[in-house]
Amino acid sequence: MDGLNPSVRPVGPGASGAGGANPALVAEIRELKRAKRAVILAHYYQTGDIQMLADHVGDSLALARAAERTDAPVILFCGVHFMAETAKILDPGRKVLLPDRAAGCSLADSAPAAKFRAFIDAHPDHFVVSYINCSAEVKAMSDIICTSSNAVRVVNSIPTDRPIIFAPDRHLGAYVQRITGREMLLWDGTCEVHVNISMDKLKLLMGRHPHAKLVAHPECPEHILLEDDHVGSTSSLLGFVKHDPGKEFIVATEAGILYNMRAEVPGKTLIPAPAFADNECACSECPYMKLNTLEKVRDALLFEEPAITLDEEVRVRAHRALRRMLELG
């Protein structure tokens, strides 16, 4: 076997949606959510059963805005640690819960705060743009935050005479450079999900599906992006697949997005891009995103733990950088 799974099916432990979830557990979560007056935010990369229970499902930018708008006293963030931190930065008076404290991010981990501080100090004249996939400490050192949805807009908003540091994802940074024409000093970080997509397996898959269009997240390496019919954030990929007349798509990002995509375009064929490592679906999955489960969602609401706490000085400086992004619209 070449490692490709020729079947097109829901992927990941929860991608089939709520059908396999324990009805009593689902009912318990809904009752706890009502009793705690909580709002559940879930990223597109969460399993389908969690997305089904969420009040808001979206990419990092949409969820940051949802966190800022909510008046719920409790925010349960079904995503990874930096996302829950972002909600706390924007809503310091609300309790922000994360189902599993170990739900980290390989990209955020690639920019340790102390090393990033030294990097910035070595280039004091640079304007610092940090991708939202970073720690609160790194956000606090930044002049502005961006997401994959608005990175080009953020960079274009910076005066052309200012040199730029872009961190932590070098592939997103390189993509933004190609689009904007701005030279930037790139931090050498990557997302393990997107760099784990196998080009050799992808070529074989494209050969098997010659009419399929390839869509990819800009965290993918350039050699994958150069093959694409569309490059964009998770919400942009959803929009393209929904509105494009094509009937078959290979999707090069975290496989959890297929749950929402299939709901939006039930008549189209969606195929996850293959990963180097073989797993249940031969697709690219984030092990941190998949740490969150319905049982952990229930326990987080029940015990109101794990709760996100931040140093107030760090939070205020990080909030300033996030506000600059949000004010761009």
Protein backbone atom coordinates (compact mmCIF):
# COMPACT_ATOMS: atom_id res chain seq x y z
CA MET A 1 0.00 0.00 0.00
CA ASP A 2 1.17 3.55 -0.74
CA GLY A 3 -0.45 4.91 2.44
CA LEU A 4 -3.34 6.61 0.65
CA ASN A 5 -6.86 5.90 1.74
CA PRO A 6 -8.91 5.87 -1.48
CA SER A 7 -12.20 6.12 0.38
CA VAL A 8 -13.76 9.52 0.97
CA ARG A 9 -15.37 9.47 4.39
CA PRO A 10 -15.61 11.42 7.63
CA VAL A 11 -12.23 11.46 9.28
CA GLY A 12 -11.00 11.61 12.85
CA PRO A 13 -12.63 10.17 15.95
CA GLY A 14 -15.56 12.56 15.93
CA ALA A 15 -15.86 13.64 12.34
CA SER A 16 -19.04 11.65 11.81
CA GLY A 17 -20.75 14.27 13.97
CA ALA A 18 -23.10 13.72 16.89
CA GLY A 19 -24.45 10.45 15.59
CA GLY A 20 -21.98 8.40 17.60
CA ALA A 21 -22.12 10.59 20.73
CA ASN A 22 -23.70 9.41 23.96
CA PRO A 23 -27.13 11.15 24.06
CA ALA A 24 -27.04 11.35 27.87
CA LEU A 25 -23.62 13.02 27.75
CA VAL A 26 -24.80 15.50 25.13
CA ALA A 27 -27.88 16.31 27.23
CA GLU A 28 -25.71 16.76 30.34
CA ILE A 29 -23.42 19.20 28.50
CA ARG A 30 -26.37 21.21 27.26
CA GLU A 31 -27.84 21.41 30.75
CA LEU A 32 -24.51 22.46 32.26
CA LYS A 33 -24.10 25.09 29.56
CA ARG A 34 -27.54 26.48 30.42
CA ALA A 35 -26.93 26.39 34.17
CA LYS A 36 -23.50 28.04 33.90
CA ARG A 37 -24.71 30.55 31.30
CA ALA A 38 -21.74 29.46 29.21
CA VAL A 39 -20.99 29.94 25.54
CA ILE A 40 -19.09 27.23 23.66
CA LEU A 41 -16.68 28.32 20.93
CA ALA A 42 -15.17 25.65 18.68
CA HIS A 43 -12.57 25.78 15.96
CA TYR A 44 -13.19 24.10 12.61
CA TYR A 45 -10.50 21.55 13.51
CA GLN A 46 -12.46 20.14 16.44
CA THR A 47 -14.24 16.83 16.04
CA GLY A 48 -17.73 16.90 14.61
CA ASP A 49 -19.51 16.04 17.86
CA ILE A 50 -17.95 19.09 19.54
CA GLN A 51 -18.71 21.37 16.58
CA MET A 52 -22.33 20.22 16.74
CA LEU A 53 -22.64 21.41 20.36
CA ALA A 54 -20.90 24.75 19.87
CA ASP A 55 -22.62 28.13 19.82
CA HIS A 56 -20.02 29.46 17.39
CA VAL A 57 -17.77 27.49 15.02
CA GLY A 58 -15.12 29.31 13.03
CA ASP A 59 -11.51 30.12 12.31
CA SER A 60 -9.25 32.06 14.67
CA LEU A 61 -10.43 35.49 13.53
CA ALA A 62 -14.14 34.66 13.72
CA LEU A 63 -13.74 33.09 17.17
CA ALA A 64 -11.73 36.06 18.46
CA ARG A 65 -14.59 38.31 17.40
CA ALA A 66 -17.17 35.97 18.93
CA ALA A 67 -15.25 35.96 22.22
CA GLU A 68 -15.14 39.75 22.23
CA ARG A 69 -18.88 40.09 21.53
CA THR A 70 -20.26 37.57 24.00
CA ASP A 71 -21.85 38.62 27.26
CA ALA A 72 -21.70 35.08 28.70
CA PRO A 73 -19.87 34.90 32.06
CA VAL A 74 -18.19 31.62 31.03
CA ILE A 75 -16.47 30.90 27.72
CA LEU A 76 -15.62 27.29 26.99
CA PHE A 77 -13.08 27.34 24.19
CA CYS A 78 -12.83 24.08 22.27
CA GLY A 79 -9.58 24.61 20.48
CA VAL A 80 -5.99 24.90 21.65
CA HIS A 81 -4.32 26.91 24.39
CA PHE A 82 -3.41 30.06 22.44
CA MET A 83 -7.05 30.39 21.30
CA ALA A 84 -8.36 30.26 24.86
CA GLU A 85 -5.65 32.75 25.87
CA THR A 86 -6.86 35.07 23.12
CA ALA A 87 -10.40 34.94 24.52
CA LYS A 88 -9.05 35.78 27.99
CA ILE A 89 -6.99 38.67 26.59
CA LEU A 90 -10.11 40.14 25.04
CA ASP A 91 -12.47 39.26 27.94
CA PRO A 92 -10.50 39.47 31.20
CA GLY A 93 -13.66 39.62 33.32
CA ARG A 94 -15.00 36.32 32.02
CA LYS A 95 -13.97 32.82 33.02
CA VAL A 96 -12.34 31.10 30.05
CA LEU A 97 -12.13 27.33 30.12
CA LEU A 98 -10.14 24.90 27.96
CA PRO A 99 -11.27 21.25 28.01
CA ASP A 100 -7.69 19.92 28.10
CA ARG A 101 -4.82 22.04 29.41
CA ALA A 102 -2.39 19.97 27.32
CA ALA A 103 -4.06 21.12 24.07
CA GLY A 104 -1.11 23.16 22.88
CA CYS A 105 0.15 24.11 19.43
CA SER A 106 3.37 23.12 17.68
CA LEU A 107 3.48 26.49 15.93
CA ALA A 108 3.05 28.49 19.15
CA ASP A 109 5.67 26.29 20.81
CA SER A 110 8.14 27.11 18.01
CA ALA A 111 8.43 30.70 19.34
CA PRO A 112 9.47 30.54 23.02
CA ALA A 113 9.02 33.94 24.63
CA ALA A 114 12.63 34.38 25.79
CA LYS A 115 14.10 33.54 22.37
CA PHE A 116 11.59 35.76 20.63
CA ARG A 117 12.45 38.65 22.96
CA ALA A 118 16.12 38.28 22.05
CA PHE A 119 15.22 38.16 18.35
CA ILE A 120 13.22 41.38 18.58
CA ASP A 121 15.96 43.08 20.61
CA ALA A 122 18.44 42.21 17.86
CA HIS A 123 16.25 44.04 15.31
CA PRO A 124 14.92 47.05 17.26
CA ASP A 125 13.82 49.03 14.19
CA HIS A 126 11.43 46.31 12.97
CA PHE A 127 7.64 46.42 13.20
CA VAL A 128 6.53 43.09 14.72
CA VAL A 129 3.62 41.20 13.14
CA SER A 130 2.72 38.00 14.97
CA TYR A 131 0.31 35.39 13.70
CA ILE A 132 -2.42 34.70 16.23
CA ASN A 133 -1.04 31.15 16.65
CA CYS A 134 1.39 32.25 19.36
CA SER A 135 1.49 32.61 23.12
CA ALA A 136 0.15 35.58 25.06
CA GLU A 137 3.75 36.54 25.88
CA VAL A 138 4.66 36.71 22.18
CA LYS A 139 1.50 38.70 21.43
CA ALA A 140 2.54 41.14 24.14
CA MET A 141 5.88 41.73 22.36
CA SER A 142 4.14 42.39 19.03
CA ASP A 143 2.95 45.59 17.40
CA ILE A 144 -0.01 43.91 15.73
CA ILE A 145 -1.53 40.43 15.45
CA CYS A 146 -2.82 38.82 12.27
CA THR A 147 -4.69 35.68 11.28
CA SER A 148 -4.48 33.74 8.03
CA SER A 149 -7.70 35.54 7.03
CA ASN A 150 -6.25 39.04 7.30
CA ALA A 151 -2.44 38.66 7.21
CA VAL A 152 -2.16 40.33 3.80
CA ARG A 153 -4.34 43.24 4.94
CA VAL A 154 -2.32 43.66 8.14
CA VAL A 155 1.01 43.73 6.30
CA ASN A 156 -0.34 46.14 3.68
CA SER A 157 -1.40 48.49 6.50
CA ILE A 158 2.20 48.96 7.65
CA PRO A 159 4.15 51.92 6.17
CA THR A 160 6.42 50.71 3.40
CA ASP A 161 9.49 52.30 5.01
CA ARG A 162 9.16 50.11 8.11
CA PRO A 163 11.05 46.79 8.10
CA ILE A 164 8.89 43.92 9.36
CA ILE A 165 9.39 40.87 11.54
CA PHE A 166 6.77 38.20 10.80
CA ALA A 167 6.34 35.35 13.28
CA PRO A 168 6.01 32.52 14.00
CA ASP A 169 4.95 30.69 10.78
CA ARG A 170 7.55 31.01 8.04
CA HIS A 171 5.30 29.47 5.37
CA LEU A 172 2.45 31.90 6.00
CA GLY A 173 5.03 34.69 6.11
CA ALA A 174 6.52 33.62 2.77
CA TYR A 175 3.05 33.45 1.24
CA VAL A 176 2.27 36.99 2.47
CA GLN A 177 5.60 38.18 1.05
CA ARG A 178 4.69 36.80 -2.38
CA ILE A 179 1.27 38.45 -2.32
CA THR A 180 2.29 41.85 -0.92
CA GLY A 181 5.80 42.17 -2.35
CA ARG A 182 7.04 43.18 1.12
CA GLU A 183 10.34 41.76 2.28
CA MET A 184 10.03 40.51 5.85
CA LEU A 185 12.30 38.92 8.40
CA LEU A 186 10.64 35.55 9.04
CA TRP A 187 10.78 33.63 12.29
CA ASP A 188 11.57 29.97 11.56
CA GLY A 189 8.40 28.29 12.87
CA THR A 190 6.01 25.82 11.28
CA CYS A 191 2.77 23.99 11.97
CA GLU A 192 3.31 20.24 12.18
CA VAL A 193 -0.09 19.55 10.62
CA HIS A 194 0.60 21.43 7.41
CA VAL A 195 4.25 20.45 6.96
CA ASN A 196 3.21 16.82 7.52
CA ILE A 197 1.28 16.76 4.25
CA SER A 198 3.18 14.46 1.89
CA MET A 199 3.81 15.92 -1.57
CA ASP A 200 4.54 12.49 -3.04
CA LYS A 201 1.27 11.05 -1.72
CA LEU A 202 -0.55 14.21 -2.76
CA LYS A 203 0.70 13.83 -6.35
CA LEU A 204 -0.56 10.23 -6.40
CA LEU A 205 -3.92 11.36 -5.05
CA MET A 206 -4.18 14.10 -7.67
CA GLY A 207 -3.43 11.51 -10.34
CA ARG A 208 -6.29 9.36 -9.09
CA HIS A 209 -8.63 12.35 -9.06
CA PRO A 210 -7.60 14.42 -12.12
CA HIS A 211 -10.69 16.62 -11.99
CA ALA A 212 -10.36 17.47 -8.30
CA LYS A 213 -9.38 21.01 -7.35
CA LEU A 214 -6.72 21.41 -4.68
CA VAL A 215 -7.36 23.92 -1.89
CA ALA A 216 -4.83 24.62 0.85
CA HIS A 217 -4.12 26.64 3.95
CA PRO A 218 -1.18 29.08 3.62
CA GLU A 219 0.61 27.36 6.50
CA CYS A 220 1.46 24.67 3.91
CA PRO A 221 4.94 24.77 2.36
CA GLU A 222 5.34 26.65 -0.92
CA HIS A 223 5.70 23.51 -3.04
CA ILE A 224 2.15 22.54 -2.07
CA LEU A 225 0.72 26.05 -2.48
CA LEU A 226 2.12 26.25 -6.01
CA GLU A 227 -0.12 23.30 -6.97
CA ASP A 228 -3.30 24.84 -5.56
CA ASP A 229 -6.42 26.15 -7.19
CA HIS A 230 -7.15 28.20 -4.07
CA VAL A 231 -5.10 29.23 -1.02
CA GLY A 232 -6.80 30.66 2.04
CA SER A 233 -7.76 30.49 5.69
CA THR A 234 -10.11 27.79 6.90
CA SER A 235 -13.13 30.05 6.37
CA SER A 236 -11.84 30.99 2.91
CA LEU A 237 -11.45 27.32 1.96
CA LEU A 238 -15.02 26.67 3.07
CA GLY A 239 -16.29 29.56 1.00
CA PHE A 240 -14.38 28.48 -2.10
CA VAL A 241 -15.60 24.88 -1.95
CA LYS A 242 -19.15 26.10 -1.36
CA HIS A 243 -19.29 28.55 -4.26
CA ASP A 244 -16.97 26.99 -6.84
CA PRO A 245 -18.81 24.96 -9.50
CA GLY A 246 -16.37 22.07 -9.11
CA LYS A 247 -17.66 18.79 -7.70
CA GLU A 248 -14.47 17.27 -6.29
CA PHE A 249 -11.87 18.85 -4.00
CA ILE A 250 -8.66 17.77 -2.28
CA VAL A 251 -8.37 19.70 0.99
CA ALA A 252 -4.86 20.43 2.28
CA THR A 253 -5.35 21.44 5.89
CA GLU A 254 -6.35 19.82 9.18
CA ALA A 255 -8.96 17.16 8.42
CA GLY A 256 -11.46 18.40 11.02
CA ILE A 257 -12.58 21.05 8.54
CA LEU A 258 -14.27 18.33 6.49
CA TYR A 259 -17.08 18.01 9.05
CA ASN A 260 -18.28 21.55 8.38
CA MET A 261 -17.49 21.38 4.67
CA ARG A 262 -19.58 18.27 4.18
CA ALA A 263 -22.50 19.93 5.92
CA GLU A 264 -22.18 22.93 3.57
CA VAL A 265 -21.73 20.98 0.31
CA PRO A 266 -23.36 17.55 0.76
CA GLY A 267 -23.35 16.91 -3.00
CA LYS A 268 -19.59 17.40 -3.46
CA THR A 269 -16.70 14.99 -2.93
CA LEU A 270 -14.13 16.15 -0.38
CA ILE A 271 -10.84 14.32 0.01
CA PRO A 272 -8.32 15.01 2.81
CA ALA A 273 -4.75 15.63 1.69
CA PRO A 274 -2.52 12.72 2.76
CA ALA A 275 0.05 12.93 5.54
CA PHE A 276 3.53 11.43 5.75
CA ALA A 277 2.54 9.40 8.80
CA ASP A 278 -0.17 6.78 8.52
CA ASN A 279 -3.07 7.20 10.93
CA GLU A 280 -6.72 6.20 11.00
CA CYS A 281 -7.61 8.25 7.94
CA ALA A 282 -4.15 8.71 6.31
CA CYS A 283 -4.89 12.45 6.57
CA SER A 284 -3.25 15.35 8.38
CA GLU A 285 -4.66 15.76 11.90
CA CYS A 286 -3.65 17.99 14.81
CA PRO A 287 -3.03 15.79 17.86
CA TYR A 288 -3.59 18.77 20.17
CA MET A 289 -6.99 19.68 18.73
CA LYS A 290 -8.06 16.08 19.10
CA LEU A 291 -7.26 16.06 22.84
CA ASN A 292 -10.62 17.74 23.45
CA THR A 293 -13.48 15.28 23.90
CA LEU A 294 -17.12 15.48 24.96
CA GLU A 295 -16.20 14.02 28.34
CA LYS A 296 -13.62 16.77 28.87
CA VAL A 297 -16.11 19.40 27.71
CA ARG A 298 -18.56 18.11 30.34
CA ASP A 299 -15.93 18.07 33.07
CA ALA A 300 -14.70 21.58 32.22
CA LEU A 301 -18.22 22.95 32.56
CA LEU A 302 -18.93 20.94 35.69
CA PHE A 303 -15.77 21.90 37.61
CA GLU A 304 -14.99 25.16 35.76
CA GLU A 305 -11.46 23.95 35.17
CA PRO A 306 -8.96 24.18 33.54
CA ALA A 307 -9.32 27.98 33.61
CA ILE A 308 -7.00 30.35 31.75
CA THR A 309 -5.08 32.85 33.87
CA LEU A 310 -2.76 35.56 32.54
CA ASP A 311 -0.35 38.07 34.01
CA GLU A 312 -2.20 41.40 33.75
CA GLU A 313 0.75 43.34 32.30
CA VAL A 314 1.15 40.70 29.59
CA ARG A 315 -2.58 40.69 28.93
CA VAL A 316 -2.77 44.48 28.52
CA ARG A 317 0.12 44.58 26.04
CA ALA A 318 -1.26 41.60 24.12
CA HIS A 319 -4.68 43.25 24.06
CA ARG A 320 -3.20 46.34 22.45
CA ALA A 321 -1.76 44.26 19.58
CA LEU A 322 -5.03 42.35 19.13
CA ARG A 323 -7.08 45.57 19.14
CA ARG A 324 -4.95 46.97 16.32
CA MET A 325 -5.84 43.91 14.26
CA LEU A 326 -9.55 44.01 15.06
CA GLU A 327 -9.77 47.72 14.30
CA LEU A 328 -8.65 47.02 10.72
CA GLY A 329 -12.09 45.43 10.21
